[in-house]
PDB file of all heavy atoms in Angstrom:
ATOM      1  N   THR A   1       0.812  -1.224  -0.005  1.00  0.00           N
ATOM      2  CA  THR A   1      -0.002   0.026   0.041  1.00  0.00           C
ATOM      3  C   THR A   1       0.852   1.303  -0.029  1.00  0.00           C
ATOM      4  O   THR A   1       0.360   2.315  -0.488  1.00  0.00           O
ATOM      5  CB  THR A   1      -0.944   0.006   1.177  1.00  0.00           C
ATOM      6  OG1 THR A   1      -0.166  -0.077   2.400  1.00  0.00           O
ATOM      7  CG2 THR A   1      -1.898  -1.191   1.151  1.00  0.00           C
ATOM      8  N   ARG A   2       2.036   1.233   0.486  1.00  0.00           N
ATOM      9  CA  ARG A   2       2.872   2.391   0.631  1.00  0.00           C
ATOM     10  C   ARG A   2       3.185   2.995  -0.840  1.00  0.00           C
ATOM     11  O   ARG A   2       3.472   4.186  -0.936  1.00  0.00           O
ATOM     12  CB  ARG A   2       4.171   2.206   1.367  1.00  0.00           C
ATOM     13  CG  ARG A   2       5.206   1.339   0.632  1.00  0.00           C
ATOM     14  CD  ARG A   2       6.393   0.987   1.510  1.00  0.00           C
ATOM     15  NE  ARG A   2       7.375   0.261   0.889  1.00  0.00           N
ATOM     16  CZ  ARG A   2       8.532   0.867   0.344  1.00  0.00           C
ATOM     17  NH1 ARG A   2       8.695   2.088   0.445  1.00  0.00           N
ATOM     18  NH2 ARG A   2       9.400   0.101  -0.238  1.00  0.00           N
ATOM     19  N   HIS A   3       3.098   2.137  -1.793  1.00  0.00           N
ATOM     20  CA  HIS A   3       3.439   2.591  -3.217  1.00  0.00           C
ATOM     21  C   HIS A   3       2.271   3.237  -3.920  1.00  0.00           C
ATOM     22  O   HIS A   3       2.478   3.738  -5.008  1.00  0.00           O
ATOM     23  CB  HIS A   3       3.996   1.420  -3.962  1.00  0.00           C
ATOM     24  CG  HIS A   3       5.209   0.790  -3.473  1.00  0.00           C
ATOM     25  ND1 HIS A   3       6.349   1.504  -3.351  1.00  0.00           N
ATOM     26  CD2 HIS A   3       5.466  -0.475  -3.023  1.00  0.00           C
ATOM     27  CE1 HIS A   3       7.395   0.710  -2.816  1.00  0.00           C
ATOM     28  NE2 HIS A   3       6.777  -0.492  -2.637  1.00  0.00           N
ATOM     29  N   VAL A   4       1.045   3.069  -3.405  1.00  0.00           N
ATOM     30  CA  VAL A   4      -0.109   3.441  -4.210  1.00  0.00           C
ATOM     31  C   VAL A   4      -0.818   4.607  -3.610  1.00  0.00           C
ATOM     32  O   VAL A   4      -1.918   4.858  -4.019  1.00  0.00           O
ATOM     33  CB  VAL A   4      -1.033   2.225  -4.313  1.00  0.00           C
ATOM     34  CG1 VAL A   4      -0.314   1.028  -4.955  1.00  0.00           C
ATOM     35  CG2 VAL A   4      -1.709   1.772  -3.090  1.00  0.00           C
ATOM     36  N   LEU A   5      -0.218   5.310  -2.707  1.00  0.00           N
ATOM     37  CA  LEU A   5      -0.952   6.436  -2.024  1.00  0.00           C
ATOM     38  C   LEU A   5      -1.237   7.570  -3.072  1.00  0.00           C
ATOM     39  O   LEU A   5      -2.257   8.273  -2.909  1.00  0.00           O
ATOM     40  CB  LEU A   5      -0.024   7.000  -0.915  1.00  0.00           C
ATOM     41  CG  LEU A   5       0.422   6.083   0.212  1.00  0.00           C
ATOM     42  CD1 LEU A   5       1.227   6.814   1.161  1.00  0.00           C
ATOM     43  CD2 LEU A   5      -0.835   5.559   0.919  1.00  0.00           C
ATOM     44  N   GLY A   6      -0.570   7.732  -4.209  1.00  0.00           N
ATOM     45  CA  GLY A   6      -0.803   8.691  -5.103  1.00  0.00           C
ATOM     46  C   GLY A   6      -1.718   8.340  -6.236  1.00  0.00           C
ATOM     47  O   GLY A   6      -1.984   9.183  -7.141  1.00  0.00           O
ATOM     48  N   LEU A   7      -2.327   7.259  -6.119  1.00  0.00           N
ATOM     49  CA  LEU A   7      -3.177   6.708  -7.269  1.00  0.00           C
ATOM     50  C   LEU A   7      -4.373   7.690  -7.536  1.00  0.00           C
ATOM     51  O   LEU A   7      -4.681   7.976  -8.711  1.00  0.00           O
ATOM     52  CB  LEU A   7      -3.701   5.371  -6.944  1.00  0.00           C
ATOM     53  CG  LEU A   7      -4.741   4.810  -8.021  1.00  0.00           C
ATOM     54  CD1 LEU A   7      -4.103   4.694  -9.392  1.00  0.00           C
ATOM     55  CD2 LEU A   7      -5.216   3.423  -7.604  1.00  0.00           C
ATOM     56  N   PHE A   8      -4.909   8.236  -6.570  1.00  0.00           N
ATOM     57  CA  PHE A   8      -6.116   9.133  -6.724  1.00  0.00           C
ATOM     58  C   PHE A   8      -5.735  10.620  -6.557  1.00  0.00           C
ATOM     59  O   PHE A   8      -6.761  11.456  -6.406  1.00  0.00           O
ATOM     60  CB  PHE A   8      -7.191   8.785  -5.769  1.00  0.00           C
ATOM     61  CG  PHE A   8      -7.921   7.397  -6.118  1.00  0.00           C
ATOM     62  CD1 PHE A   8      -7.439   6.230  -5.628  1.00  0.00           C
ATOM     63  CD2 PHE A   8      -8.999   7.444  -7.036  1.00  0.00           C
ATOM     64  CE1 PHE A   8      -8.069   5.031  -5.947  1.00  0.00           C
ATOM     65  CE2 PHE A   8      -9.583   6.234  -7.349  1.00  0.00           C
ATOM     66  CZ  PHE A   8      -9.217   5.022  -6.858  1.00  0.00           C
ATOM     67  N   ASN A   9      -4.537  11.013  -6.605  1.00  0.00           N
ATOM     68  CA  ASN A   9      -4.126  12.387  -6.439  1.00  0.00           C
ATOM     69  C   ASN A   9      -4.938  13.318  -7.357  1.00  0.00           C
ATOM     70  O   ASN A   9      -5.080  12.960  -8.604  1.00  0.00           O
ATOM     71  CB  ASN A   9      -2.685  12.621  -6.732  1.00  0.00           C
ATOM     72  CG  ASN A   9      -1.772  12.194  -5.576  1.00  0.00           C
ATOM     73  OD1 ASN A   9      -2.224  11.780  -4.579  1.00  0.00           O
ATOM     74  ND2 ASN A   9      -0.482  12.312  -5.784  1.00  0.00           N
ATOM     75  N   GLY A  10      -5.520  14.342  -6.839  1.00  0.00           N
ATOM     76  CA  GLY A  10      -6.299  15.266  -7.648  1.00  0.00           C
ATOM     77  C   GLY A  10      -7.731  14.902  -7.818  1.00  0.00           C
ATOM     78  O   GLY A  10      -8.435  15.674  -8.447  1.00  0.00           O
ATOM     79  N   GLN A  11      -8.130  13.800  -7.310  1.00  0.00           N
ATOM     80  CA  GLN A  11      -9.537  13.324  -7.422  1.00  0.00           C
ATOM     81  C   GLN A  11     -10.272  13.557  -6.129  1.00  0.00           C
ATOM     82  O   GLN A  11      -9.691  13.520  -4.978  1.00  0.00           O
ATOM     83  CB  GLN A  11      -9.487  11.772  -7.848  1.00  0.00           C
ATOM     84  CG  GLN A  11      -8.797  11.484  -9.078  1.00  0.00           C
ATOM     85  CD  GLN A  11      -9.384  12.190 -10.298  1.00  0.00           C
ATOM     86  OE1 GLN A  11     -10.587  12.005 -10.571  1.00  0.00           O
ATOM     87  NE2 GLN A  11      -8.533  13.037 -10.865  1.00  0.00           N
ATOM     88  N   PRO A  12     -11.595  13.616  -6.172  1.00  0.00           N
ATOM     89  CA  PRO A  12     -12.398  13.753  -4.949  1.00  0.00           C
ATOM     90  C   PRO A  12     -12.107  12.525  -4.044  1.00  0.00           C
ATOM     91  O   PRO A  12     -12.208  11.360  -4.542  1.00  0.00           O
ATOM     92  CB  PRO A  12     -13.844  13.788  -5.426  1.00  0.00           C
ATOM     93  CG  PRO A  12     -13.804  14.357  -6.892  1.00  0.00           C
ATOM     94  CD  PRO A  12     -12.499  13.689  -7.382  1.00  0.00           C
ATOM     95  N   GLY A  13     -11.908  12.745  -2.781  1.00  0.00           N
ATOM     96  CA  GLY A  13     -11.731  11.633  -1.896  1.00  0.00           C
ATOM     97  C   GLY A  13     -10.300  11.176  -1.706  1.00  0.00           C
ATOM     98  O   GLY A  13      -9.983  10.176  -1.010  1.00  0.00           O
ATOM     99  N   ALA A  14      -9.306  11.820  -2.473  1.00  0.00           N
ATOM    100  CA  ALA A  14      -7.834  11.357  -2.479  1.00  0.00           C
ATOM    101  C   ALA A  14      -7.307  11.378  -1.118  1.00  0.00           C
ATOM    102  O   ALA A  14      -6.569  10.543  -0.750  1.00  0.00           O
ATOM    103  CB  ALA A  14      -7.134  12.194  -3.468  1.00  0.00           C
ATOM    104  N   ARG A  15      -7.710  12.354  -0.361  1.00  0.00           N
ATOM    105  CA  ARG A  15      -7.151  12.515   0.970  1.00  0.00           C
ATOM    106  C   ARG A  15      -7.606  11.330   1.906  1.00  0.00           C
ATOM    107  O   ARG A  15      -6.749  10.799   2.598  1.00  0.00           O
ATOM    108  CB  ARG A  15      -7.455  13.842   1.677  1.00  0.00           C
ATOM    109  CG  ARG A  15      -6.913  14.026   2.946  1.00  0.00           C
ATOM    110  CD  ARG A  15      -7.385  15.360   3.563  1.00  0.00           C
ATOM    111  NE  ARG A  15      -6.812  15.684   4.904  1.00  0.00           N
ATOM    112  CZ  ARG A  15      -7.130  16.716   5.623  1.00  0.00           C
ATOM    113  NH1 ARG A  15      -7.919  17.638   5.087  1.00  0.00           N
ATOM    114  NH2 ARG A  15      -6.571  16.862   6.816  1.00  0.00           N
ATOM    115  N   ARG A  16      -8.898  10.960   1.765  1.00  0.00           N
ATOM    116  CA  ARG A  16      -9.376   9.823   2.586  1.00  0.00           C
ATOM    117  C   ARG A  16      -8.696   8.507   2.160  1.00  0.00           C
ATOM    118  O   ARG A  16      -8.453   7.663   2.965  1.00  0.00           O
ATOM    119  CB  ARG A  16     -10.898   9.722   2.477  1.00  0.00           C
ATOM    120  CG  ARG A  16     -11.599  10.868   3.097  1.00  0.00           C
ATOM    121  CD  ARG A  16     -13.113  10.654   3.178  1.00  0.00           C
ATOM    122  NE  ARG A  16     -13.669  10.806   1.884  1.00  0.00           N
ATOM    123  CZ  ARG A  16     -14.115  11.909   1.284  1.00  0.00           C
ATOM    124  NH1 ARG A  16     -13.943  13.043   1.933  1.00  0.00           N
ATOM    125  NH2 ARG A  16     -14.639  11.946   0.045  1.00  0.00           N
ATOM    126  N   TRP A  17      -8.436   8.350   0.838  1.00  0.00           N
ATOM    127  CA  TRP A  17      -7.733   7.187   0.329  1.00  0.00           C
ATOM    128  C   TRP A  17      -6.394   7.116   0.949  1.00  0.00           C
ATOM    129  O   TRP A  17      -6.014   6.024   1.511  1.00  0.00           O
ATOM    130  CB  TRP A  17      -7.628   7.268  -1.175  1.00  0.00           C
ATOM    131  CG  TRP A  17      -6.563   6.380  -1.869  1.00  0.00           C
ATOM    132  CD1 TRP A  17      -5.316   6.691  -2.193  1.00  0.00           C
ATOM    133  CD2 TRP A  17      -6.839   5.050  -2.303  1.00  0.00           C
ATOM    134  NE1 TRP A  17      -4.703   5.566  -2.798  1.00  0.00           N
ATOM    135  CE2 TRP A  17      -5.607   4.604  -2.960  1.00  0.00           C
ATOM    136  CE3 TRP A  17      -7.950   4.227  -2.295  1.00  0.00           C
ATOM    137  CZ2 TRP A  17      -5.469   3.318  -3.484  1.00  0.00           C
ATOM    138  CZ3 TRP A  17      -7.836   2.979  -2.884  1.00  0.00           C
ATOM    139  CH2 TRP A  17      -6.560   2.487  -3.473  1.00  0.00           C
ATOM    140  N   ARG A  18      -5.631   8.178   1.048  1.00  0.00           N
ATOM    141  CA  ARG A  18      -4.321   8.155   1.605  1.00  0.00           C
ATOM    142  C   ARG A  18      -4.334   7.949   3.106  1.00  0.00           C
ATOM    143  O   ARG A  18      -3.510   7.200   3.722  1.00  0.00           O
ATOM    144  CB  ARG A  18      -3.594   9.516   1.325  1.00  0.00           C
ATOM    145  CG  ARG A  18      -3.143   9.757  -0.169  1.00  0.00           C
ATOM    146  CD  ARG A  18      -2.316  10.900  -0.323  1.00  0.00           C
ATOM    147  NE  ARG A  18      -2.866  12.098   0.134  1.00  0.00           N
ATOM    148  CZ  ARG A  18      -3.556  12.966  -0.650  1.00  0.00           C
ATOM    149  NH1 ARG A  18      -3.816  12.715  -1.927  1.00  0.00           N
ATOM    150  NH2 ARG A  18      -4.106  14.094  -0.165  1.00  0.00           N
ATOM    151  N   GLN A  19      -5.279   8.593   3.762  1.00  0.00           N
ATOM    152  CA  GLN A  19      -5.455   8.405   5.234  1.00  0.00           C
ATOM    153  C   GLN A  19      -5.688   6.933   5.650  1.00  0.00           C
ATOM    154  O   GLN A  19      -5.135   6.439   6.531  1.00  0.00           O
ATOM    155  CB  GLN A  19      -6.557   9.297   5.808  1.00  0.00           C
ATOM    156  CG  GLN A  19      -6.242  10.782   5.779  1.00  0.00           C
ATOM    157  CD  GLN A  19      -7.485  11.618   6.121  1.00  0.00           C
ATOM    158  OE1 GLN A  19      -8.622  11.160   5.939  1.00  0.00           O
ATOM    159  NE2 GLN A  19      -7.206  12.773   6.677  1.00  0.00           N
ATOM    160  N   VAL A  20      -6.615   6.277   4.909  1.00  0.00           N
ATOM    161  CA  VAL A  20      -6.864   4.876   5.239  1.00  0.00           C
ATOM    162  C   VAL A  20      -5.675   4.053   5.018  1.00  0.00           C
ATOM    163  O   VAL A  20      -5.304   3.205   5.860  1.00  0.00           O
ATOM    164  CB  VAL A  20      -8.092   4.357   4.441  1.00  0.00           C
ATOM    165  CG1 VAL A  20      -8.312   2.906   4.680  1.00  0.00           C
ATOM    166  CG2 VAL A  20      -9.346   5.140   4.872  1.00  0.00           C
ATOM    167  N   LEU A  21      -4.995   4.190   3.895  1.00  0.00           N
ATOM    168  CA  LEU A  21      -3.903   3.379   3.530  1.00  0.00           C
ATOM    169  C   LEU A  21      -2.672   3.585   4.452  1.00  0.00           C
ATOM    170  O   LEU A  21      -1.753   2.833   4.428  1.00  0.00           O
ATOM    171  CB  LEU A  21      -3.490   3.505   2.022  1.00  0.00           C
ATOM    172  CG  LEU A  21      -4.589   2.958   1.043  1.00  0.00           C
ATOM    173  CD1 LEU A  21      -4.004   3.015  -0.303  1.00  0.00           C
ATOM    174  CD2 LEU A  21      -5.063   1.520   1.411  1.00  0.00           C
ATOM    175  N   SER A  22      -2.674   4.763   5.013  1.00  0.00           N
ATOM    176  CA  SER A  22      -1.439   5.102   5.966  1.00  0.00           C
ATOM    177  C   SER A  22      -1.780   4.869   7.351  1.00  0.00           C
ATOM    178  O   SER A  22      -0.866   5.087   8.263  1.00  0.00           O
ATOM    179  CB  SER A  22      -1.196   6.656   5.772  1.00  0.00           C
ATOM    180  OG  SER A  22      -0.897   6.932   4.444  1.00  0.00           O
ATOM    181  N   ASP A  23      -2.956   4.364   7.753  1.00  0.00           N
ATOM    182  CA  ASP A  23      -3.365   4.146   9.073  1.00  0.00           C
ATOM    183  C   ASP A  23      -2.793   2.797   9.597  1.00  0.00           C
ATOM    184  O   ASP A  23      -3.412   1.774   9.107  1.00  0.00           O
ATOM    185  CB  ASP A  23      -4.914   4.224   9.244  1.00  0.00           C
ATOM    186  CG  ASP A  23      -5.371   4.195  10.729  1.00  0.00           C
ATOM    187  OD1 ASP A  23      -4.743   3.485  11.526  1.00  0.00           O
ATOM    188  OD2 ASP A  23      -6.381   4.877  11.021  1.00  0.00           O
ATOM    189  N   ALA A  24      -1.852   2.792  10.397  1.00  0.00           N
ATOM    190  CA  ALA A  24      -1.212   1.425  10.838  1.00  0.00           C
ATOM    191  C   ALA A  24      -2.193   0.552  11.527  1.00  0.00           C
ATOM    192  O   ALA A  24      -2.113  -0.651  11.319  1.00  0.00           O
ATOM    193  CB  ALA A  24      -0.016   1.773  11.745  1.00  0.00           C
ATOM    194  N   ARG A  25      -3.074   1.134  12.354  1.00  0.00           N
ATOM    195  CA  ARG A  25      -4.058   0.281  13.029  1.00  0.00           C
ATOM    196  C   ARG A  25      -5.080  -0.372  12.145  1.00  0.00           C
ATOM    197  O   ARG A  25      -5.359  -1.635  12.226  1.00  0.00           O
ATOM    198  CB  ARG A  25      -4.724   1.070  14.163  1.00  0.00           C
ATOM    199  CG  ARG A  25      -3.894   1.378  15.344  1.00  0.00           C
ATOM    200  CD  ARG A  25      -4.642   2.034  16.478  1.00  0.00           C
ATOM    201  NE  ARG A  25      -5.102   3.399  16.052  1.00  0.00           N
ATOM    202  CZ  ARG A  25      -5.810   4.273  16.758  1.00  0.00           C
ATOM    203  NH1 ARG A  25      -6.103   3.934  17.985  1.00  0.00           N
ATOM    204  NH2 ARG A  25      -6.082   5.494  16.288  1.00  0.00           N
ATOM    205  N   ARG A  26      -5.516   0.442  11.145  1.00  0.00           N
ATOM    206  CA  ARG A  26      -6.468  -0.139  10.182  1.00  0.00           C
ATOM    207  C   ARG A  26      -5.663  -1.226   9.309  1.00  0.00           C
ATOM    208  O   ARG A  26      -6.351  -2.201   8.944  1.00  0.00           O
ATOM    209  CB  ARG A  26      -7.074   0.990   9.335  1.00  0.00           C
ATOM    210  CG  ARG A  26      -7.950   1.850  10.071  1.00  0.00           C
ATOM    211  CD  ARG A  26      -8.420   2.964   9.323  1.00  0.00           C
ATOM    212  NE  ARG A  26      -9.657   2.576   8.574  1.00  0.00           N
ATOM    213  CZ  ARG A  26     -10.599   3.376   8.007  1.00  0.00           C
ATOM    214  NH1 ARG A  26     -10.457   4.688   8.212  1.00  0.00           N
ATOM    215  NH2 ARG A  26     -11.546   2.912   7.303  1.00  0.00           N
ATOM    216  N   LEU A  27      -4.528  -0.968   9.012  1.00  0.00           N
ATOM    217  CA  LEU A  27      -3.790  -1.921   8.136  1.00  0.00           C
ATOM    218  C   LEU A  27      -3.667  -3.246   8.876  1.00  0.00           C
ATOM    219  O   LEU A  27      -3.826  -4.331   8.327  1.00  0.00           O
ATOM    220  CB  LEU A  27      -2.425  -1.363   7.856  1.00  0.00           C
ATOM    221  CG  LEU A  27      -2.303  -0.395   6.674  1.00  0.00           C
ATOM    222  CD1 LEU A  27      -0.905   0.284   6.609  1.00  0.00           C
ATOM    223  CD2 LEU A  27      -2.523  -1.091   5.326  1.00  0.00           C
ATOM    224  N   ASP A  28      -3.367  -3.170  10.187  1.00  0.00           N
ATOM    225  CA  ASP A  28      -3.241  -4.325  10.985  1.00  0.00           C
ATOM    226  C   ASP A  28      -4.540  -5.147  11.055  1.00  0.00           C
ATOM    227  O   ASP A  28      -4.541  -6.343  11.065  1.00  0.00           O
ATOM    228  CB  ASP A  28      -2.665  -4.078  12.409  1.00  0.00           C
ATOM    229  CG  ASP A  28      -1.298  -3.594  12.370  1.00  0.00           C
ATOM    230  OD1 ASP A  28      -0.625  -3.852  11.320  1.00  0.00           O
ATOM    231  OD2 ASP A  28      -0.877  -2.937  13.301  1.00  0.00           O
ATOM    232  N   SER A  29      -5.646  -4.353  11.284  1.00  0.00           N
ATOM    233  CA  SER A  29      -6.980  -5.047  11.441  1.00  0.00           C
ATOM    234  C   SER A  29      -7.600  -5.501  10.174  1.00  0.00           C
ATOM    235  O   SER A  29      -8.159  -6.561  10.095  1.00  0.00           O
ATOM    236  CB  SER A  29      -7.821  -4.065  12.234  1.00  0.00           C
ATOM    237  OG  SER A  29      -8.161  -2.893  11.501  1.00  0.00           O
ATOM    238  N   ALA A  30      -7.504  -4.723   9.162  1.00  0.00           N
ATOM    239  CA  ALA A  30      -8.149  -5.002   7.834  1.00  0.00           C
ATOM    240  C   ALA A  30      -7.403  -5.926   6.994  1.00  0.00           C
ATOM    241  O   ALA A  30      -7.935  -6.626   6.193  1.00  0.00           O
ATOM    242  CB  ALA A  30      -8.453  -3.710   7.164  1.00  0.00           C
TER     243      ALA A  30
END
């Protein structure tokens, strides 16, 4: 996931995409 943070750059919701993929606790649980 660390490589794909920029996939939605410039698109609506891009910040939420990056936040979820950067959340260590969510990564561990999901």
